[in-house]
Amino acid sequence: MDNWGVYAVVLMVVLLAFYMFKKVAGCLLKTIVTLLGLAALGVGYWFWTSVS
């Protein structure tokens, strides 16, 4: 996957996380969703850099 593909995927994930963040009620749920999203991004980046 080239850089444009990575940028597109990251943009979609950020937009989806923002949409979910606005829809989820409660501070605890927002925190959990945010942490899971950040963990997914971190794992995806780690796999992407370790494979390349």
N, C-alpha and C. Protein backbone atom coordinates (compact mmCIF):
# COMPACT_ATOMS: atom_id res chain seq x y z
N MET A 1 0.85 -1.18 0.00
CA MET A 1 0.00 0.00 0.00
C MET A 1 0.90 1.24 0.00
N ASP A 2 0.63 2.14 -0.90
CA ASP A 2 1.45 3.34 -0.96
C ASP A 2 0.96 4.37 0.06
N ASN A 3 1.63 5.51 0.10
CA ASN A 3 1.30 6.53 1.10
C ASN A 3 -0.12 7.05 0.97
N TRP A 4 -0.63 7.22 -0.26
CA TRP A 4 -1.99 7.75 -0.43
C TRP A 4 -3.02 6.79 0.14
N GLY A 5 -2.79 5.50 0.00
CA GLY A 5 -3.70 4.51 0.56
C GLY A 5 -3.71 4.58 2.08
N VAL A 6 -2.54 4.75 2.67
CA VAL A 6 -2.45 4.86 4.13
C VAL A 6 -3.18 6.12 4.60
N TYR A 7 -2.96 7.24 3.91
CA TYR A 7 -3.63 8.48 4.29
C TYR A 7 -5.15 8.34 4.19
N ALA A 8 -5.62 7.66 3.16
CA ALA A 8 -7.06 7.48 2.98
C ALA A 8 -7.64 6.63 4.10
N VAL A 9 -6.95 5.56 4.46
CA VAL A 9 -7.43 4.69 5.54
C VAL A 9 -7.43 5.43 6.87
N VAL A 10 -6.37 6.17 7.15
CA VAL A 10 -6.30 6.93 8.41
C VAL A 10 -7.40 7.98 8.45
N LEU A 11 -7.66 8.65 7.33
CA LEU A 11 -8.73 9.65 7.29
C LEU A 11 -10.08 9.01 7.55
N MET A 12 -10.34 7.85 6.95
CA MET A 12 -11.63 7.17 7.18
C MET A 12 -11.76 6.75 8.64
N VAL A 13 -10.68 6.25 9.24
CA VAL A 13 -10.73 5.83 10.64
C VAL A 13 -10.98 7.03 11.54
N VAL A 14 -10.32 8.14 11.27
CA VAL A 14 -10.52 9.35 12.09
C VAL A 14 -11.95 9.85 11.96
N LEU A 15 -12.48 9.88 10.74
CA LEU A 15 -13.87 10.33 10.55
C LEU A 15 -14.85 9.39 11.24
N LEU A 16 -14.63 8.10 11.14
CA LEU A 16 -15.50 7.13 11.80
C LEU A 16 -15.41 7.28 13.32
N ALA A 17 -14.21 7.45 13.83
CA ALA A 17 -14.03 7.64 15.28
C ALA A 17 -14.72 8.92 15.75
N PHE A 18 -14.61 10.00 14.96
CA PHE A 18 -15.28 11.25 15.31
C PHE A 18 -16.79 11.07 15.32
N TYR A 19 -17.33 10.37 14.33
CA TYR A 19 -18.77 10.12 14.26
C TYR A 19 -19.23 9.29 15.46
N MET A 20 -18.48 8.23 15.78
CA MET A 20 -18.83 7.39 16.92
C MET A 20 -18.71 8.17 18.22
N PHE A 21 -17.70 9.02 18.33
CA PHE A 21 -17.48 9.82 19.53
C PHE A 21 -18.66 10.75 19.78
N LYS A 22 -19.22 11.33 18.73
CA LYS A 22 -20.35 12.23 18.89
C LYS A 22 -21.64 11.47 19.21
N LYS A 23 -21.76 10.22 18.75
CA LYS A 23 -22.98 9.45 18.96
C LYS A 23 -23.02 8.72 20.31
N VAL A 24 -21.86 8.40 20.84
CA VAL A 24 -21.82 7.62 22.08
C VAL A 24 -22.09 8.52 23.27
N ALA A 25 -22.98 8.07 24.14
CA ALA A 25 -23.34 8.87 25.32
C ALA A 25 -22.51 8.43 26.52
N GLY A 26 -22.17 9.37 27.36
CA GLY A 26 -21.46 9.07 28.60
C GLY A 26 -19.96 9.21 28.47
N CYS A 27 -19.37 9.79 29.48
CA CYS A 27 -17.93 10.06 29.45
C CYS A 27 -17.12 8.77 29.46
N LEU A 28 -17.54 7.78 30.23
CA LEU A 28 -16.79 6.52 30.30
C LEU A 28 -16.80 5.80 28.96
N LEU A 29 -17.95 5.76 28.31
CA LEU A 29 -18.02 5.11 27.00
C LEU A 29 -17.19 5.84 25.97
N LYS A 30 -17.19 7.17 26.01
CA LYS A 30 -16.37 7.94 25.08
C LYS A 30 -14.89 7.62 25.29
N THR A 31 -14.49 7.49 26.53
CA THR A 31 -13.09 7.19 26.84
C THR A 31 -12.72 5.81 26.31
N ILE A 32 -13.60 4.82 26.53
CA ILE A 32 -13.33 3.46 26.07
C ILE A 32 -13.23 3.42 24.55
N VAL A 33 -14.17 4.07 23.87
CA VAL A 33 -14.16 4.08 22.40
C VAL A 33 -12.90 4.75 21.88
N THR A 34 -12.50 5.85 22.50
CA THR A 34 -11.31 6.57 22.07
C THR A 34 -10.06 5.71 22.27
N LEU A 35 -9.96 5.06 23.41
CA LEU A 35 -8.79 4.22 23.67
C LEU A 35 -8.74 3.03 22.72
N LEU A 36 -9.89 2.41 22.44
CA LEU A 36 -9.91 1.30 21.48
C LEU A 36 -9.52 1.77 20.07
N GLY A 37 -9.99 2.94 19.67
CA GLY A 37 -9.63 3.48 18.37
C GLY A 37 -8.14 3.76 18.27
N LEU A 38 -7.58 4.37 19.31
CA LEU A 38 -6.15 4.65 19.32
C LEU A 38 -5.33 3.35 19.33
N ALA A 39 -5.80 2.35 20.07
CA ALA A 39 -5.09 1.07 20.09
C ALA A 39 -5.14 0.42 18.71
N ALA A 40 -6.30 0.48 18.03
CA ALA A 40 -6.41 -0.10 16.69
C ALA A 40 -5.48 0.62 15.72
N LEU A 41 -5.41 1.94 15.80
CA LEU A 41 -4.49 2.68 14.94
C LEU A 41 -3.04 2.31 15.22
N GLY A 42 -2.70 2.18 16.50
CA GLY A 42 -1.34 1.81 16.87
C GLY A 42 -0.96 0.43 16.37
N VAL A 43 -1.86 -0.55 16.53
CA VAL A 43 -1.59 -1.91 16.06
C VAL A 43 -1.48 -1.93 14.54
N GLY A 44 -2.38 -1.21 13.86
CA GLY A 44 -2.32 -1.15 12.40
C GLY A 44 -1.02 -0.54 11.91
N TYR A 45 -0.58 0.53 12.56
CA TYR A 45 0.67 1.17 12.17
C TYR A 45 1.85 0.24 12.44
N TRP A 46 1.82 -0.48 13.57
CA TRP A 46 2.90 -1.39 13.89
C TRP A 46 2.99 -2.51 12.86
N PHE A 47 1.85 -3.11 12.47
CA PHE A 47 1.84 -4.14 11.45
C PHE A 47 2.32 -3.59 10.11
N TRP A 48 1.88 -2.37 9.77
CA TRP A 48 2.23 -1.78 8.49
C TRP A 48 3.73 -1.54 8.40
N THR A 49 4.34 -1.06 9.51
CA THR A 49 5.78 -0.78 9.47
C THR A 49 6.60 -2.05 9.60
N SER A 50 6.08 -3.07 10.30
CA SER A 50 6.88 -4.30 10.45
C SER A 50 6.86 -5.13 9.18
N VAL A 51 5.80 -5.04 8.38
CA VAL A 51 5.71 -5.80 7.13
C VAL A 51 6.53 -5.13 6.04
N SER A 52 6.55 -3.81 6.02
CA SER A 52 7.21 -3.07 4.93
C SER A 52 8.67 -3.29 4.91
